[in-house]
PDB file of all heavy atoms in Angstrom:
ATOM      1  N   TYR A   1     119.379  64.394  89.288  1.00  0.00           N
ATOM      2  CA  TYR A   1     119.260  63.502  88.139  1.00  0.00           C
ATOM      3  C   TYR A   1     119.225  64.241  86.806  1.00  0.00           C
ATOM      4  O   TYR A   1     119.154  63.594  85.755  1.00  0.00           O
ATOM      5  CB  TYR A   1     118.017  62.628  88.274  1.00  0.00           C
ATOM      6  CG  TYR A   1     118.148  61.575  89.356  1.00  0.00           C
ATOM      7  CD1 TYR A   1     117.491  61.710  90.569  1.00  0.00           C
ATOM      8  CD2 TYR A   1     118.958  60.466  89.165  1.00  0.00           C
ATOM      9  CE1 TYR A   1     117.613  60.752  91.570  1.00  0.00           C
ATOM     10  CE2 TYR A   1     119.091  59.496  90.154  1.00  0.00           C
ATOM     11  CZ  TYR A   1     118.413  59.648  91.351  1.00  0.00           C
ATOM     12  OH  TYR A   1     118.551  58.697  92.339  1.00  0.00           O
ATOM     13  N   ARG A   2     119.283  65.582  86.875  1.00  0.00           N
ATOM     14  CA  ARG A   2     119.268  66.394  85.645  1.00  0.00           C
ATOM     15  C   ARG A   2     118.065  66.044  84.772  1.00  0.00           C
ATOM     16  O   ARG A   2     118.163  65.902  83.565  1.00  0.00           O
ATOM     17  CB  ARG A   2     120.548  66.202  84.835  1.00  0.00           C
ATOM     18  CG  ARG A   2     121.859  66.401  85.594  1.00  0.00           C
ATOM     19  CD  ARG A   2     121.997  67.809  86.158  1.00  0.00           C
ATOM     20  NE  ARG A   2     123.353  68.136  86.522  1.00  0.00           N
ATOM     21  CZ  ARG A   2     123.863  68.031  87.754  1.00  0.00           C
ATOM     22  NH1 ARG A   2     123.108  67.591  88.738  1.00  0.00           N
ATOM     23  NH2 ARG A   2     125.113  68.375  87.999  1.00  0.00           N
ATOM     24  N   LYS A   3     116.888  65.932  85.414  1.00  0.00           N
ATOM     25  CA  LYS A   3     115.672  65.562  84.688  1.00  0.00           C
ATOM     26  C   LYS A   3     114.596  66.626  84.859  1.00  0.00           C
ATOM     27  O   LYS A   3     114.284  67.014  85.980  1.00  0.00           O
ATOM     28  CB  LYS A   3     115.127  64.222  85.204  1.00  0.00           C
ATOM     29  CG  LYS A   3     115.981  63.026  84.863  1.00  0.00           C
ATOM     30  CD  LYS A   3     115.324  61.738  85.340  1.00  0.00           C
ATOM     31  CE  LYS A   3     116.142  60.523  84.957  1.00  0.00           C
ATOM     32  NZ  LYS A   3     115.508  59.254  85.407  1.00  0.00           N
ATOM     33  N   GLY A   4     114.033  67.036  83.754  1.00  0.00           N
ATOM     34  CA  GLY A   4     112.857  67.900  83.773  1.00  0.00           C
ATOM     35  C   GLY A   4     113.050  69.241  84.424  1.00  0.00           C
ATOM     36  O   GLY A   4     112.067  69.906  84.761  1.00  0.00           O
ATOM     37  N   GLY A   5     114.280  69.660  84.625  1.00  0.00           N
ATOM     38  CA  GLY A   5     114.514  70.912  85.319  1.00  0.00           C
ATOM     39  C   GLY A   5     113.970  72.110  84.586  1.00  0.00           C
ATOM     40  O   GLY A   5     113.357  72.996  85.196  1.00  0.00           O
ATOM     41  N   PHE A   6     114.156  72.147  83.279  1.00  0.00           N
ATOM     42  CA  PHE A   6     113.707  73.311  82.508  1.00  0.00           C
ATOM     43  C   PHE A   6     112.190  73.447  82.567  1.00  0.00           C
ATOM     44  O   PHE A   6     111.659  74.530  82.799  1.00  0.00           O
ATOM     45  CB  PHE A   6     114.171  73.182  81.058  1.00  0.00           C
ATOM     46  CG  PHE A   6     113.664  74.278  80.169  1.00  0.00           C
ATOM     47  CD1 PHE A   6     114.268  75.532  80.182  1.00  0.00           C
ATOM     48  CD2 PHE A   6     112.568  74.076  79.340  1.00  0.00           C
ATOM     49  CE1 PHE A   6     113.789  76.554  79.381  1.00  0.00           C
ATOM     50  CE2 PHE A   6     112.092  75.090  78.534  1.00  0.00           C
ATOM     51  CZ  PHE A   6     112.702  76.335  78.548  1.00  0.00           C
ATOM     52  N   VAL A   7     111.488  72.323  82.375  1.00  0.00           N
ATOM     53  CA  VAL A   7     110.024  72.367  82.384  1.00  0.00           C
ATOM     54  C   VAL A   7     109.509  72.747  83.768  1.00  0.00           C
ATOM     55  O   VAL A   7     108.644  73.622  83.914  1.00  0.00           O
ATOM     56  CB  VAL A   7     109.443  71.010  81.958  1.00  0.00           C
ATOM     57  CG1 VAL A   7     107.922  71.014  82.081  1.00  0.00           C
ATOM     58  CG2 VAL A   7     109.860  70.686  80.533  1.00  0.00           C
ATOM     59  N   ALA A   8     110.049  72.094  84.801  1.00  0.00           N
ATOM     60  CA  ALA A   8     109.587  72.378  86.162  1.00  0.00           C
ATOM     61  C   ALA A   8     109.879  73.816  86.554  1.00  0.00           C
ATOM     62  O   ALA A   8     109.053  74.492  87.170  1.00  0.00           O
ATOM     63  CB  ALA A   8     110.259  71.416  87.142  1.00  0.00           C
ATOM     64  N   ASN A   9     111.063  74.293  86.169  1.00  0.00           N
ATOM     65  CA  ASN A   9     111.426  75.663  86.489  1.00  0.00           C
ATOM     66  C   ASN A   9     110.500  76.658  85.794  1.00  0.00           C
ATOM     67  O   ASN A   9     110.085  77.664  86.374  1.00  0.00           O
ATOM     68  CB  ASN A   9     112.879  75.923  86.080  1.00  0.00           C
ATOM     69  CG  ASN A   9     113.491  77.086  86.827  1.00  0.00           C
ATOM     70  OD1 ASN A   9     113.109  77.386  87.944  1.00  0.00           O
ATOM     71  ND2 ASN A   9     114.458  77.736  86.213  1.00  0.00           N
ATOM     72  N   ALA A  10     110.172  76.373  84.538  1.00  0.00           N
ATOM     73  CA  ALA A  10     109.276  77.258  83.786  1.00  0.00           C
ATOM     74  C   ALA A  10     107.887  77.297  84.413  1.00  0.00           C
ATOM     75  O   ALA A  10     107.273  78.361  84.531  1.00  0.00           O
ATOM     76  CB  ALA A  10     109.183  76.797  82.338  1.00  0.00           C
ATOM     77  N   VAL A  11     107.406  76.126  84.846  1.00  0.00           N
ATOM     78  CA  VAL A  11     106.068  76.062  85.442  1.00  0.00           C
ATOM     79  C   VAL A  11     106.025  76.832  86.758  1.00  0.00           C
ATOM     80  O   VAL A  11     105.117  77.632  87.015  1.00  0.00           O
ATOM     81  CB  VAL A  11     105.647  74.598  85.667  1.00  0.00           C
ATOM     82  CG1 VAL A  11     104.363  74.531  86.485  1.00  0.00           C
ATOM     83  CG2 VAL A  11     105.460  73.897  84.334  1.00  0.00           C
ATOM     84  N   VAL A  12     107.026  76.615  87.613  1.00  0.00           N
ATOM     85  CA  VAL A  12     107.041  77.287  88.908  1.00  0.00           C
ATOM     86  C   VAL A  12     107.183  78.791  88.736  1.00  0.00           C
ATOM     87  O   VAL A  12     106.576  79.583  89.461  1.00  0.00           O
ATOM     88  CB  VAL A  12     108.173  76.726  89.790  1.00  0.00           C
ATOM     89  CG1 VAL A  12     108.296  77.530  91.072  1.00  0.00           C
ATOM     90  CG2 VAL A  12     107.902  75.268  90.118  1.00  0.00           C
ATOM     91  N   ASN A  13     107.975  79.213  87.769  1.00  0.00           N
ATOM     92  CA  ASN A  13     108.225  80.640  87.584  1.00  0.00           C
ATOM     93  C   ASN A  13     107.050  81.394  86.984  1.00  0.00           C
ATOM     94  O   ASN A  13     107.091  82.619  86.872  1.00  0.00           O
ATOM     95  CB  ASN A  13     109.463  80.849  86.702  1.00  0.00           C
ATOM     96  CG  ASN A  13     110.739  80.800  87.513  1.00  0.00           C
ATOM     97  OD1 ASN A  13     110.976  81.646  88.359  1.00  0.00           O
ATOM     98  ND2 ASN A  13     111.549  79.795  87.265  1.00  0.00           N
ATOM     99  N   ILE A  14     105.999  80.668  86.584  1.00  0.00           N
ATOM    100  CA  ILE A  14     104.781  81.352  86.153  1.00  0.00           C
ATOM    101  C   ILE A  14     104.267  82.247  87.281  1.00  0.00           C
ATOM    102  O   ILE A  14     103.704  83.318  87.052  1.00  0.00           O
ATOM    103  CB  ILE A  14     103.705  80.326  85.736  1.00  0.00           C
ATOM    104  CG1 ILE A  14     104.126  79.623  84.438  1.00  0.00           C
ATOM    105  CG2 ILE A  14     102.350  81.007  85.546  1.00  0.00           C
ATOM    106  CD1 ILE A  14     103.187  78.522  84.011  1.00  0.00           C
ATOM    107  N   GLY A  15     104.515  81.808  88.517  1.00  0.00           N
ATOM    108  CA  GLY A  15     104.077  82.595  89.668  1.00  0.00           C
ATOM    109  C   GLY A  15     104.669  83.978  89.712  1.00  0.00           C
ATOM    110  O   GLY A  15     104.081  84.898  90.281  1.00  0.00           O
ATOM    111  N   ARG A  16     105.861  84.162  89.108  1.00  0.00           N
ATOM    112  CA  ARG A  16     106.490  85.473  89.112  1.00  0.00           C
ATOM    113  C   ARG A  16     105.758  86.462  88.202  1.00  0.00           C
ATOM    114  O   ARG A  16     105.904  87.666  88.349  1.00  0.00           O
ATOM    115  CB  ARG A  16     107.944  85.354  88.675  1.00  0.00           C
ATOM    116  CG  ARG A  16     108.818  84.637  89.692  1.00  0.00           C
ATOM    117  CD  ARG A  16     110.239  84.514  89.218  1.00  0.00           C
ATOM    118  NE  ARG A  16     111.092  83.970  90.267  1.00  0.00           N
ATOM    119  CZ  ARG A  16     112.363  83.642  90.092  1.00  0.00           C
ATOM    120  NH1 ARG A  16     112.925  83.797  88.907  1.00  0.00           N
ATOM    121  NH2 ARG A  16     113.072  83.158  91.085  1.00  0.00           N
ATOM    122  N   ALA A  17     104.994  85.935  87.240  1.00  0.00           N
ATOM    123  CA  ALA A  17     104.294  86.809  86.302  1.00  0.00           C
ATOM    124  C   ALA A  17     102.895  87.164  86.784  1.00  0.00           C
ATOM    125  O   ALA A  17     102.239  88.016  86.196  1.00  0.00           O
ATOM    126  CB  ALA A  17     104.214  86.143  84.933  1.00  0.00           C
ATOM    127  N   VAL A  18     102.445  86.520  87.859  1.00  0.00           N
ATOM    128  CA  VAL A  18     101.093  86.751  88.369  1.00  0.00           C
ATOM    129  C   VAL A  18     101.174  87.661  89.596  1.00  0.00           C
ATOM    130  O   VAL A  18     101.880  87.342  90.550  1.00  0.00           O
ATOM    131  CB  VAL A  18     100.406  85.426  88.739  1.00  0.00           C
ATOM    132  CG1 VAL A  18      99.004  85.680  89.280  1.00  0.00           C
ATOM    133  CG2 VAL A  18     100.371  84.497  87.541  1.00  0.00           C
ATOM    134  N   PRO A  19     100.474  88.789  89.594  1.00  0.00           N
ATOM    135  CA  PRO A  19     100.503  89.683  90.768  1.00  0.00           C
ATOM    136  C   PRO A  19      99.998  88.977  92.014  1.00  0.00           C
ATOM    137  O   PRO A  19      99.023  88.226  91.965  1.00  0.00           O
ATOM    138  CB  PRO A  19      99.569  90.827  90.360  1.00  0.00           C
ATOM    139  CG  PRO A  19      99.475  90.754  88.874  1.00  0.00           C
ATOM    140  CD  PRO A  19      99.628  89.308  88.515  1.00  0.00           C
ATOM    141  N   SER A  20     100.660  89.215  93.141  1.00  0.00           N
ATOM    142  CA  SER A  20     100.287  88.549  94.379  1.00  0.00           C
ATOM    143  C   SER A  20      98.858  88.912  94.798  1.00  0.00           C
ATOM    144  O   SER A  20      98.113  88.050  95.280  1.00  0.00           O
ATOM    145  CB  SER A  20     101.271  88.918  95.489  1.00  0.00           C
ATOM    146  OG  SER A  20     101.377  90.330  95.624  1.00  0.00           O
ATOM    147  N   PHE A  21      98.474  90.173  94.598  1.00  0.00           N
ATOM    148  CA  PHE A  21      97.117  90.573  94.968  1.00  0.00           C
ATOM    149  C   PHE A  21      96.094  89.835  94.107  1.00  0.00           C
ATOM    150  O   PHE A  21      95.029  89.434  94.597  1.00  0.00           O
ATOM    151  CB  PHE A  21      96.948  92.083  94.804  1.00  0.00           C
ATOM    152  CG  PHE A  21      95.605  92.586  95.249  1.00  0.00           C
ATOM    153  CD1 PHE A  21      95.271  92.611  96.587  1.00  0.00           C
ATOM    154  CD2 PHE A  21      94.669  93.028  94.328  1.00  0.00           C
ATOM    155  CE1 PHE A  21      94.023  93.058  97.012  1.00  0.00           C
ATOM    156  CE2 PHE A  21      93.426  93.486  94.733  1.00  0.00           C
ATOM    157  CZ  PHE A  21      93.103  93.498  96.078  1.00  0.00           C
ATOM    158  N   GLY A  22      96.421  89.628  92.833  1.00  0.00           N
ATOM    159  CA  GLY A  22      95.529  88.871  91.958  1.00  0.00           C
ATOM    160  C   GLY A  22      95.358  87.439  92.426  1.00  0.00           C
ATOM    161  O   GLY A  22      94.256  86.879  92.368  1.00  0.00           O
ATOM    162  N   LEU A  23      96.453  86.824  92.902  1.00  0.00           N
ATOM    163  CA  LEU A  23      96.365  85.462  93.432  1.00  0.00           C
ATOM    164  C   LEU A  23      95.459  85.406  94.653  1.00  0.00           C
ATOM    165  O   LEU A  23      94.646  84.486  94.798  1.00  0.00           O
ATOM    166  CB  LEU A  23      97.761  84.963  93.805  1.00  0.00           C
ATOM    167  CG  LEU A  23      98.688  84.514  92.675  1.00  0.00           C
ATOM    168  CD1 LEU A  23     100.056  84.161  93.236  1.00  0.00           C
ATOM    169  CD2 LEU A  23      98.095  83.326  91.930  1.00  0.00           C
ATOM    170  N   ILE A  24      95.607  86.388  95.538  1.00  0.00           N
ATOM    171  CA  ILE A  24      94.785  86.404  96.751  1.00  0.00           C
ATOM    172  C   ILE A  24      93.304  86.491  96.391  1.00  0.00           C
ATOM    173  O   ILE A  24      92.472  85.747  96.935  1.00  0.00           O
ATOM    174  CB  ILE A  24      95.190  87.584  97.655  1.00  0.00           C
ATOM    175  CG1 ILE A  24      96.613  87.387  98.185  1.00  0.00           C
ATOM    176  CG2 ILE A  24      94.213  87.732  98.816  1.00  0.00           C
ATOM    177  CD1 ILE A  24      97.175  88.598  98.900  1.00  0.00           C
ATOM    178  N   ILE A  25      92.971  87.384  95.483  1.00  0.00           N
ATOM    179  CA  ILE A  25      91.568  87.549  95.080  1.00  0.00           C
ATOM    180  C   ILE A  25      91.046  86.297  94.393  1.00  0.00           C
ATOM    181  O   ILE A  25      89.923  85.841  94.642  1.00  0.00           O
ATOM    182  CB  ILE A  25      91.413  88.777  94.158  1.00  0.00           C
ATOM    183  CG1 ILE A  25      91.804  90.056  94.917  1.00  0.00           C
ATOM    184  CG2 ILE A  25      89.992  88.881  93.633  1.00  0.00           C
ATOM    185  CD1 ILE A  25      90.998  90.314  96.159  1.00  0.00           C
ATOM    186  N   LEU A  26      91.879  85.699  93.515  1.00  0.00           N
ATOM    187  CA  LEU A  26      91.466  84.479  92.813  1.00  0.00           C
ATOM    188  C   LEU A  26      91.152  83.365  93.794  1.00  0.00           C
ATOM    189  O   LEU A  26      90.078  82.731  93.714  1.00  0.00           O
ATOM    190  CB  LEU A  26      92.570  84.042  91.849  1.00  0.00           C
ATOM    191  CG  LEU A  26      92.376  82.665  91.187  1.00  0.00           C
ATOM    192  CD1 LEU A  26      91.128  82.669  90.307  1.00  0.00           C
ATOM    193  CD2 LEU A  26      93.611  82.283  90.373  1.00  0.00           C
ATOM    194  N   PHE A  27      92.048  83.127  94.732  1.00  0.00           N
ATOM    195  CA  PHE A  27      91.829  82.046  95.698  1.00  0.00           C
ATOM    196  C   PHE A  27      90.687  82.382  96.650  1.00  0.00           C
ATOM    197  O   PHE A  27      90.023  81.472  97.160  1.00  0.00           O
ATOM    198  CB  PHE A  27      93.118  81.762  96.472  1.00  0.00           C
ATOM    199  CG  PHE A  27      94.204  81.143  95.626  1.00  0.00           C
ATOM    200  CD1 PHE A  27      95.498  81.650  95.638  1.00  0.00           C
ATOM    201  CD2 PHE A  27      93.929  80.057  94.813  1.00  0.00           C
ATOM    202  CE1 PHE A  27      96.487  81.085  94.857  1.00  0.00           C
ATOM    203  CE2 PHE A  27      94.916  79.485  94.027  1.00  0.00           C
ATOM    204  CZ  PHE A  27      96.202  80.000  94.046  1.00  0.00           C
ATOM    205  N   TRP A  28      90.456  83.675  96.901  1.00  0.00           N
ATOM    206  CA  TRP A  28      89.328  84.058  97.737  1.00  0.00           C
ATOM    207  C   TRP A  28      88.007  83.676  97.062  1.00  0.00           C
ATOM    208  O   TRP A  28      87.107  83.120  97.701  1.00  0.00           O
ATOM    209  CB  TRP A  28      89.353  85.551  98.020  1.00  0.00           C
ATOM    210  CG  TRP A  28      88.276  85.988  98.977  1.00  0.00           C
ATOM    211  CD1 TRP A  28      88.345  86.029 100.333  1.00  0.00           C
ATOM    212  CD2 TRP A  28      86.950  86.414  98.634  1.00  0.00           C
ATOM    213  NE1 TRP A  28      87.152  86.448 100.871  1.00  0.00           N
ATOM    214  CE2 TRP A  28      86.278  86.706  99.852  1.00  0.00           C
ATOM    215  CE3 TRP A  28      86.268  86.585  97.434  1.00  0.00           C
ATOM    216  CZ2 TRP A  28      84.960  87.148  99.880  1.00  0.00           C
ATOM    217  CZ3 TRP A  28      84.953  87.022  97.458  1.00  0.00           C
ATOM    218  CH2 TRP A  28      84.315  87.301  98.676  1.00  0.00           C
ATOM    219  N   PHE A  29      87.893  83.968  95.770  1.00  0.00           N
ATOM    220  CA  PHE A  29      86.663  83.607  95.040  1.00  0.00           C
ATOM    221  C   PHE A  29      86.479  82.091  94.990  1.00  0.00           C
ATOM    222  O   PHE A  29      85.358  81.584  95.126  1.00  0.00           O
ATOM    223  CB  PHE A  29      86.698  84.184  93.621  1.00  0.00           C
ATOM    224  CG  PHE A  29      86.188  85.595  93.544  1.00  0.00           C
ATOM    225  CD1 PHE A  29      87.051  86.646  93.316  1.00  0.00           C
ATOM    226  CD2 PHE A  29      84.841  85.877  93.700  1.00  0.00           C
ATOM    227  CE1 PHE A  29      86.586  87.954  93.249  1.00  0.00           C
ATOM    228  CE2 PHE A  29      84.360  87.185  93.631  1.00  0.00           C
ATOM    229  CZ  PHE A  29      85.242  88.222  93.402  1.00  0.00           C
ATOM    230  N   LEU A  30      87.565  81.353  94.794  1.00  0.00           N
ATOM    231  CA  LEU A  30      87.467  79.891  94.774  1.00  0.00           C
ATOM    232  C   LEU A  30      87.042  79.354  96.140  1.00  0.00           C
ATOM    233  O   LEU A  30      86.210  78.446  96.227  1.00  0.00           O
ATOM    234  CB  LEU A  30      88.815  79.282  94.356  1.00  0.00           C
ATOM    235  CG  LEU A  30      89.249  79.537  92.911  1.00  0.00           C
ATOM    236  CD1 LEU A  30      90.640  78.981  92.675  1.00  0.00           C
ATOM    237  CD2 LEU A  30      88.246  78.914  91.932  1.00  0.00           C
ATOM    238  N   ALA A  31      87.616  79.931  97.206  1.00  0.00           N
ATOM    239  CA  ALA A  31      87.250  79.493  98.555  1.00  0.00           C
ATOM    240  C   ALA A  31      85.782  79.802  98.847  1.00  0.00           C
ATOM    241  O   ALA A  31      85.074  78.995  99.467  1.00  0.00           O
ATOM    242  CB  ALA A  31      88.153  80.167  99.585  1.00  0.00           C
ATOM    243  N   ALA A  32      85.330  80.970  98.408  1.00  0.00           N
ATOM    244  CA  ALA A  32      83.925  81.336  98.612  1.00  0.00           C
ATOM    245  C   ALA A  32      83.003  80.387  97.842  1.00  0.00           C
ATOM    246  O   ALA A  32      81.939  79.996  98.342  1.00  0.00           O
ATOM    247  CB  ALA A  32      83.698  82.780  98.181  1.00  0.00           C
TER     248      ALA A  32
END
């Protein structure tokens, strides 16, 4: 539908800027 692709793509790609190890530690603290 050519809708919201730029915004959605930008939001999802934030994950590329976050180190994977940092994500693991962050979610570990939240789970704890």
